[in-house]
Amino acid sequence: MNKRTRCLTLRAISLLLAGIALAGCALSGRPDAPPVATFVLQGNATTLAMSGAATDVVLQVATPTAAPAYASSRMAYIEQPYRIDYFARNEWADPPARMLKTLLTQQLTSSGLFRFVVSDSAGVDEALRLDSELIELVQVFDESSSQVRVSIRFDLVDVAQRRILFSETLSASEPAARDPYAGVVAANTALQRVLDQLVTRLRDPITSLRPSSP
């Protein structure tokens, strides 16, 4: 057997062995890595409903923005000060700011504070606009437990008058066990508390828009 023939034979054997190995992996059914778990933010619907609409005002909920560390679907956690890491096998189903927009629209619609609450793509004339920015959504670990911190900046803008009626950062934290799913549960609880705070804090500036009685 000459050198060229021997090389071709060795190459064929190598390819055959590689094919057998791949087939064995496929038949074994073992995944290369565990699947990624995805989670949603939907709050814990305990809306503080008002009795009747406070005004005839139409509110536009603008698309929330997010601080760079929380602008993607990655789930953030902190184990050391000034350092943010992300879970490898757990993530949000959508960037949290996108899910926040739906929750804000639902919460404020059922609050009774407005005649209508619309998204910024509804194509209607609005009197007020709610801008928001997700400042923090993170699970913070210590030696024995963890907590989830949620912080959102809100600005209520009078569109016609070009003035800000309300501007505040609302925050909440919730204890959690030391695992990602417990963090998801705590995040929904903390987020709902922030939304409830928002409804309560908006009541005064919104009711002040009512026309004065003759």
C-alpha atoms as a PDB file:
ATOM      1  CA  MET A   1       0.000   0.000   0.000  1.00  0.00           C
ATOM      2  CA  ASN A   2       1.553   3.297  -1.074  1.00  0.00           C
ATOM      3  CA  LYS A   3       1.616   6.437   1.029  1.00  0.00           C
ATOM      4  CA  ARG A   4      -1.298   8.127  -0.796  1.00  0.00           C
ATOM      5  CA  THR A   5      -3.531   5.092  -0.468  1.00  0.00           C
ATOM      6  CA  ARG A   6      -2.681   4.754   3.231  1.00  0.00           C
ATOM      7  CA  CYS A   7      -3.584   8.399   3.889  1.00  0.00           C
ATOM      8  CA  LEU A   8      -6.924   8.048   2.084  1.00  0.00           C
ATOM      9  CA  THR A   9      -7.699   4.909   4.098  1.00  0.00           C
ATOM     10  CA  LEU A  10      -6.916   6.612   7.420  1.00  0.00           C
ATOM     11  CA  ARG A  11      -9.051   9.581   6.437  1.00  0.00           C
ATOM     12  CA  ALA A  12     -11.985   7.327   5.562  1.00  0.00           C
ATOM     13  CA  ILE A  13     -11.684   5.521   8.897  1.00  0.00           C
ATOM     14  CA  SER A  14     -11.608   8.857  10.775  1.00  0.00           C
ATOM     15  CA  LEU A  15     -14.748  10.057   9.006  1.00  0.00           C
ATOM     16  CA  LEU A  16     -16.486   6.759   9.727  1.00  0.00           C
ATOM     17  CA  LEU A  17     -15.644   6.955  13.437  1.00  0.00           C
ATOM     18  CA  ALA A  18     -16.825  10.550  13.612  1.00  0.00           C
ATOM     19  CA  GLY A  19     -20.115   9.586  11.989  1.00  0.00           C
ATOM     20  CA  ILE A  20     -20.615   6.735  14.449  1.00  0.00           C
ATOM     21  CA  ALA A  21     -19.945   9.062  17.378  1.00  0.00           C
ATOM     22  CA  LEU A  22     -22.477  11.625  16.111  1.00  0.00           C
ATOM     23  CA  ALA A  23     -25.089   8.943  15.552  1.00  0.00           C
ATOM     24  CA  GLY A  24     -24.534   7.651  19.067  1.00  0.00           C
ATOM     25  CA  CYS A  25     -25.115  11.106  20.520  1.00  0.00           C
ATOM     26  CA  ALA A  26     -28.308  11.525  18.501  1.00  0.00           C
ATOM     27  CA  LEU A  27     -29.662   8.151  19.572  1.00  0.00           C
ATOM     28  CA  SER A  28     -28.855   8.748  23.216  1.00  0.00           C
ATOM     29  CA  GLY A  29     -31.212  11.734  23.249  1.00  0.00           C
ATOM     30  CA  ARG A  30     -28.969  13.668  25.632  1.00  0.00           C
ATOM     31  CA  PRO A  31     -29.105  17.437  24.988  1.00  0.00           C
ATOM     32  CA  ASP A  32     -25.846  19.329  24.838  1.00  0.00           C
ATOM     33  CA  ALA A  33     -27.142  21.789  27.460  1.00  0.00           C
ATOM     34  CA  PRO A  34     -30.285  22.202  29.553  1.00  0.00           C
ATOM     35  CA  PRO A  35     -32.993  24.366  27.947  1.00  0.00           C
ATOM     36  CA  VAL A  36     -33.253  28.037  28.783  1.00  0.00           C
ATOM     37  CA  ALA A  37     -36.156  28.846  31.132  1.00  0.00           C
ATOM     38  CA  THR A  38     -38.129  31.953  30.202  1.00  0.00           C
ATOM     39  CA  PHE A  39     -40.298  34.010  32.543  1.00  0.00           C
ATOM     40  CA  VAL A  40     -42.801  36.858  32.322  1.00  0.00           C
ATOM     41  CA  LEU A  41     -43.585  39.976  34.295  1.00  0.00           C
ATOM     42  CA  GLN A  42     -47.323  40.197  34.881  1.00  0.00           C
ATOM     43  CA  GLY A  43     -47.526  41.627  38.381  1.00  0.00           C
ATOM     44  CA  ASN A  44     -50.002  40.427  40.981  1.00  0.00           C
ATOM     45  CA  ALA A  45     -53.175  42.160  39.854  1.00  0.00           C
ATOM     46  CA  THR A  46     -54.369  43.915  42.985  1.00  0.00           C
ATOM     47  CA  THR A  47     -55.252  47.198  41.315  1.00  0.00           C
ATOM     48  CA  LEU A  48     -56.510  49.947  43.591  1.00  0.00           C
ATOM     49  CA  ALA A  49     -59.665  50.771  41.613  1.00  0.00           C
ATOM     50  CA  MET A  50     -61.283  54.159  41.981  1.00  0.00           C
ATOM     51  CA  SER A  51     -65.053  54.780  41.938  1.00  0.00           C
ATOM     52  CA  GLY A  52     -65.718  56.238  38.482  1.00  0.00           C
ATOM     53  CA  ALA A  53     -63.360  58.086  36.176  1.00  0.00           C
ATOM     54  CA  ALA A  54     -61.650  60.989  37.914  1.00  0.00           C
ATOM     55  CA  THR A  55     -61.536  63.036  34.691  1.00  0.00           C
ATOM     56  CA  ASP A  56     -62.398  62.868  31.000  1.00  0.00           C
ATOM     57  CA  VAL A  57     -58.691  62.892  30.248  1.00  0.00           C
ATOM     58  CA  VAL A  58     -57.100  60.504  27.750  1.00  0.00           C
ATOM     59  CA  LEU A  59     -53.720  59.154  28.859  1.00  0.00           C
ATOM     60  CA  GLN A  60     -51.070  57.932  26.472  1.00  0.00           C
ATOM     61  CA  VAL A  61     -48.663  55.343  27.882  1.00  0.00           C
ATOM     62  CA  ALA A  62     -45.379  55.886  26.083  1.00  0.00           C
ATOM     63  CA  THR A  63     -43.058  52.955  25.452  1.00  0.00           C
ATOM     64  CA  PRO A  64     -40.861  52.657  28.569  1.00  0.00           C
ATOM     65  CA  THR A  65     -37.110  52.904  28.263  1.00  0.00           C
ATOM     66  CA  ALA A  66     -34.571  51.057  30.410  1.00  0.00           C
ATOM     67  CA  ALA A  67     -31.153  51.628  31.879  1.00  0.00           C
ATOM     68  CA  PRO A  68     -28.521  49.833  29.750  1.00  0.00           C
ATOM     69  CA  ALA A  69     -28.008  47.005  32.264  1.00  0.00           C
ATOM     70  CA  TYR A  70     -31.709  46.073  32.052  1.00  0.00           C
ATOM     71  CA  ALA A  71     -32.473  46.784  28.378  1.00  0.00           C
ATOM     72  CA  SER A  72     -32.293  43.151  27.181  1.00  0.00           C
ATOM     73  CA  SER A  73     -34.067  39.898  28.056  1.00  0.00           C
ATOM     74  CA  ARG A  74     -31.212  38.804  30.330  1.00  0.00           C
ATOM     75  CA  MET A  75     -32.052  38.353  34.002  1.00  0.00           C
ATOM     76  CA  ALA A  76     -29.652  40.350  36.153  1.00  0.00           C
ATOM     77  CA  TYR A  77     -28.253  39.541  39.569  1.00  0.00           C
ATOM     78  CA  ILE A  78     -25.686  41.046  41.931  1.00  0.00           C
ATOM     79  CA  GLU A  79     -23.294  39.200  44.228  1.00  0.00           C
ATOM     80  CA  GLN A  80     -20.676  41.933  44.579  1.00  0.00           C
ATOM     81  CA  PRO A  81     -21.124  45.701  44.855  1.00  0.00           C
ATOM     82  CA  TYR A  82     -20.811  47.585  41.538  1.00  0.00           C
ATOM     83  CA  ARG A  83     -20.905  44.342  39.487  1.00  0.00           C
ATOM     84  CA  ILE A  84     -23.900  43.021  37.512  1.00  0.00           C
ATOM     85  CA  ASP A  85     -24.033  39.457  36.207  1.00  0.00           C
ATOM     86  CA  TYR A  86     -26.695  37.561  34.247  1.00  0.00           C
ATOM     87  CA  PHE A  87     -28.149  34.077  34.685  1.00  0.00           C
ATOM     88  CA  ALA A  88     -26.984  31.744  31.921  1.00  0.00           C
ATOM     89  CA  ARG A  89     -30.050  29.466  31.726  1.00  0.00           C
ATOM     90  CA  ASN A  90     -32.814  31.854  32.826  1.00  0.00           C
ATOM     91  CA  GLU A  91     -34.129  34.898  31.001  1.00  0.00           C
ATOM     92  CA  TRP A  92     -37.172  37.104  30.520  1.00  0.00           C
ATOM     93  CA  ALA A  93     -39.568  36.254  27.689  1.00  0.00           C
ATOM     94  CA  ASP A  94     -39.174  39.839  26.424  1.00  0.00           C
ATOM     95  CA  PRO A  95     -37.146  42.852  27.557  1.00  0.00           C
ATOM     96  CA  PRO A  96     -38.772  43.941  30.840  1.00  0.00           C
ATOM     97  CA  ALA A  97     -39.524  47.458  29.571  1.00  0.00           C
ATOM     98  CA  ARG A  98     -41.767  46.007  26.844  1.00  0.00           C
ATOM     99  CA  MET A  99     -43.687  43.912  29.339  1.00  0.00           C
ATOM    100  CA  LEU A 100     -43.922  46.942  31.626  1.00  0.00           C
ATOM    101  CA  LYS A 101     -45.827  48.894  28.976  1.00  0.00           C
ATOM    102  CA  THR A 102     -48.621  46.297  28.904  1.00  0.00           C
ATOM    103  CA  LEU A 103     -48.816  46.245  32.703  1.00  0.00           C
ATOM    104  CA  LEU A 104     -48.958  50.025  32.935  1.00  0.00           C
ATOM    105  CA  THR A 105     -51.770  50.191  30.372  1.00  0.00           C
ATOM    106  CA  GLN A 106     -53.781  47.523  32.204  1.00  0.00           C
ATOM    107  CA  GLN A 107     -53.169  48.997  35.653  1.00  0.00           C
ATOM    108  CA  LEU A 108     -54.069  52.553  34.707  1.00  0.00           C
ATOM    109  CA  THR A 109     -57.097  51.498  32.667  1.00  0.00           C
ATOM    110  CA  SER A 110     -58.596  49.741  35.677  1.00  0.00           C
ATOM    111  CA  SER A 111     -57.584  52.497  38.106  1.00  0.00           C
ATOM    112  CA  GLY A 112     -60.565  54.700  37.244  1.00  0.00           C
ATOM    113  CA  LEU A 113     -58.332  57.760  36.976  1.00  0.00           C
ATOM    114  CA  PHE A 114     -58.765  58.278  33.232  1.00  0.00           C
ATOM    115  CA  ARG A 115     -61.496  58.164  30.631  1.00  0.00           C
ATOM    116  CA  PHE A 116     -59.251  56.188  28.281  1.00  0.00           C
ATOM    117  CA  VAL A 117     -55.725  54.810  28.474  1.00  0.00           C
ATOM    118  CA  VAL A 118     -54.049  54.156  25.127  1.00  0.00           C
ATOM    119  CA  SER A 119     -50.672  53.037  23.856  1.00  0.00           C
ATOM    120  CA  ASP A 120     -48.445  55.428  21.950  1.00  0.00           C
ATOM    121  CA  SER A 121     -49.350  53.656  18.688  1.00  0.00           C
ATOM    122  CA  ALA A 122     -53.098  54.170  19.028  1.00  0.00           C
ATOM    123  CA  GLY A 123     -53.185  57.267  16.807  1.00  0.00           C
ATOM    124  CA  VAL A 124     -55.523  59.358  18.979  1.00  0.00           C
ATOM    125  CA  ASP A 125     -55.141  62.795  20.532  1.00  0.00           C
ATOM    126  CA  GLU A 126     -54.142  62.527  24.153  1.00  0.00           C
ATOM    127  CA  ALA A 127     -54.192  65.129  26.899  1.00  0.00           C
ATOM    128  CA  LEU A 128     -51.539  63.507  29.094  1.00  0.00           C
ATOM    129  CA  ARG A 129     -48.552  61.243  28.453  1.00  0.00           C
ATOM    130  CA  LEU A 130     -46.856  58.922  30.927  1.00  0.00           C
ATOM    131  CA  ASP A 131     -43.143  58.457  30.310  1.00  0.00           C
ATOM    132  CA  SER A 132     -41.234  55.844  32.291  1.00  0.00           C
ATOM    133  CA  GLU A 133     -37.756  54.380  32.612  1.00  0.00           C
ATOM    134  CA  LEU A 134     -36.825  51.093  34.247  1.00  0.00           C
ATOM    135  CA  ILE A 135     -33.943  52.085  36.500  1.00  0.00           C
ATOM    136  CA  GLU A 136     -33.366  48.742  38.235  1.00  0.00           C
ATOM    137  CA  LEU A 137     -34.689  45.174  38.124  1.00  0.00           C
ATOM    138  CA  VAL A 138     -32.176  42.899  39.813  1.00  0.00           C
ATOM    139  CA  GLN A 139     -31.871  40.018  42.271  1.00  0.00           C
ATOM    140  CA  VAL A 140     -29.311  40.846  44.947  1.00  0.00           C
ATOM    141  CA  PHE A 141     -27.666  37.924  46.764  1.00  0.00           C
ATOM    142  CA  ASP A 142     -26.131  37.939  50.221  1.00  0.00           C
ATOM    143  CA  GLU A 143     -24.654  35.055  52.209  1.00  0.00           C
ATOM    144  CA  SER A 144     -27.932  33.377  53.147  1.00  0.00           C
ATOM    145  CA  SER A 145     -30.765  34.865  51.079  1.00  0.00           C
ATOM    146  CA  SER A 146     -31.578  37.380  48.367  1.00  0.00           C
ATOM    147  CA  GLN A 147     -33.921  40.214  47.527  1.00  0.00           C
ATOM    148  CA  VAL A 148     -35.266  41.659  44.291  1.00  0.00           C
ATOM    149  CA  ARG A 149     -35.128  45.403  43.769  1.00  0.00           C
ATOM    150  CA  VAL A 150     -37.389  47.225  41.314  1.00  0.00           C
ATOM    151  CA  SER A 151     -37.074  50.939  40.603  1.00  0.00           C
ATOM    152  CA  ILE A 152     -38.928  52.892  37.892  1.00  0.00           C
ATOM    153  CA  ARG A 153     -38.876  56.592  37.001  1.00  0.00           C
ATOM    154  CA  PHE A 154     -42.256  58.098  36.015  1.00  0.00           C
ATOM    155  CA  ASP A 155     -43.041  61.452  34.394  1.00  0.00           C
ATOM    156  CA  LEU A 156     -46.630  62.542  33.759  1.00  0.00           C
ATOM    157  CA  VAL A 157     -46.635  65.192  31.020  1.00  0.00           C
ATOM    158  CA  ASP A 158     -49.425  67.618  30.173  1.00  0.00           C
ATOM    159  CA  VAL A 159     -48.985  67.522  26.407  1.00  0.00           C
ATOM    160  CA  ALA A 160     -50.974  70.653  25.542  1.00  0.00           C
ATOM    161  CA  GLN A 161     -49.451  72.824  28.272  1.00  0.00           C
ATOM    162  CA  ARG A 162     -45.991  71.299  27.901  1.00  0.00           C
ATOM    163  CA  ARG A 163     -45.559  70.872  31.637  1.00  0.00           C
ATOM    164  CA  ILE A 164     -44.769  68.008  33.970  1.00  0.00           C
ATOM    165  CA  LEU A 165     -47.521  67.234  36.471  1.00  0.00           C
ATOM    166  CA  PHE A 166     -45.738  64.424  38.291  1.00  0.00           C
ATOM    167  CA  SER A 167     -42.133  63.237  38.290  1.00  0.00           C
ATOM    168  CA  GLU A 168     -40.848  60.643  40.716  1.00  0.00           C
ATOM    169  CA  THR A 169     -38.828  57.430  41.013  1.00  0.00           C
ATOM    170  CA  LEU A 170     -40.826  54.695  42.749  1.00  0.00           C
ATOM    171  CA  SER A 171     -39.109  51.649  44.235  1.00  0.00           C
ATOM    172  CA  ALA A 172     -39.865  48.406  46.035  1.00  0.00           C
ATOM    173  CA  SER A 173     -37.905  45.376  47.218  1.00  0.00           C
ATOM    174  CA  GLU A 174     -39.026  41.839  48.003  1.00  0.00           C
ATOM    175  CA  PRO A 175     -37.150  39.001  49.790  1.00  0.00           C
ATOM    176  CA  ALA A 176     -36.556  35.784  47.878  1.00  0.00           C
ATOM    177  CA  ALA A 177     -34.853  32.433  48.221  1.00  0.00           C
ATOM    178  CA  ARG A 178     -31.495  32.024  46.539  1.00  0.00           C
ATOM    179  CA  ASP A 179     -32.633  30.805  43.107  1.00  0.00           C
ATOM    180  CA  PRO A 180     -33.776  32.449  39.854  1.00  0.00           C
ATOM    181  CA  TYR A 181     -37.419  31.317  40.006  1.00  0.00           C
ATOM    182  CA  ALA A 182     -37.837  32.714  43.511  1.00  0.00           C
ATOM    183  CA  GLY A 183     -36.413  35.929  42.106  1.00  0.00           C
ATOM    184  CA  VAL A 184     -39.057  35.963  39.359  1.00  0.00           C
ATOM    185  CA  VAL A 185     -41.865  35.586  41.909  1.00  0.00           C
ATOM    186  CA  ALA A 186     -40.362  38.351  44.034  1.00  0.00           C
ATOM    187  CA  ALA A 187     -39.915  40.582  40.982  1.00  0.00           C
ATOM    188  CA  ASN A 188     -43.617  40.321  40.122  1.00  0.00           C
ATOM    189  CA  THR A 189     -44.594  41.119  43.706  1.00  0.00           C
ATOM    190  CA  ALA A 190     -42.254  44.104  43.931  1.00  0.00           C
ATOM    191  CA  LEU A 191     -43.345  45.388  40.532  1.00  0.00           C
ATOM    192  CA  GLN A 192     -47.007  45.246  41.548  1.00  0.00           C
ATOM    193  CA  ARG A 193     -46.201  47.303  44.628  1.00  0.00           C
ATOM    194  CA  VAL A 194     -44.568  49.933  42.418  1.00  0.00           C
ATOM    195  CA  LEU A 195     -47.631  50.016  40.138  1.00  0.00           C
ATOM    196  CA  ASP A 196     -49.949  50.377  43.137  1.00  0.00           C
ATOM    197  CA  GLN A 197     -47.766  53.231  44.395  1.00  0.00           C
ATOM    198  CA  LEU A 198     -48.073  54.895  40.992  1.00  0.00           C
ATOM    199  CA  VAL A 199     -51.884  54.779  41.023  1.00  0.00           C
ATOM    200  CA  THR A 200     -51.966  56.238  44.529  1.00  0.00           C
ATOM    201  CA  ARG A 201     -49.465  59.004  43.746  1.00  0.00           C
ATOM    202  CA  LEU A 202     -51.226  59.990  40.510  1.00  0.00           C
ATOM    203  CA  ARG A 203     -54.585  60.535  42.179  1.00  0.00           C
ATOM    204  CA  ASP A 204     -53.931  64.099  43.372  1.00  0.00           C
ATOM    205  CA  PRO A 205     -52.453  65.530  40.136  1.00  0.00           C
ATOM    206  CA  ILE A 206     -55.184  63.858  38.071  1.00  0.00           C
ATOM    207  CA  THR A 207     -58.153  64.907  40.205  1.00  0.00           C
ATOM    208  CA  SER A 208     -56.782  68.469  40.220  1.00  0.00           C
ATOM    209  CA  LEU A 209     -57.568  68.565  36.497  1.00  0.00           C
ATOM    210  CA  ARG A 210     -61.301  68.382  37.172  1.00  0.00           C
ATOM    211  CA  PRO A 211     -63.117  71.578  36.178  1.00  0.00           C
ATOM    212  CA  SER A 212     -64.070  73.707  39.166  1.00  0.00           C
ATOM    213  CA  SER A 213     -67.736  73.576  40.141  1.00  0.00           C
ATOM    214  CA  PRO A 214     -69.650  76.794  39.262  1.00  0.00           C
END
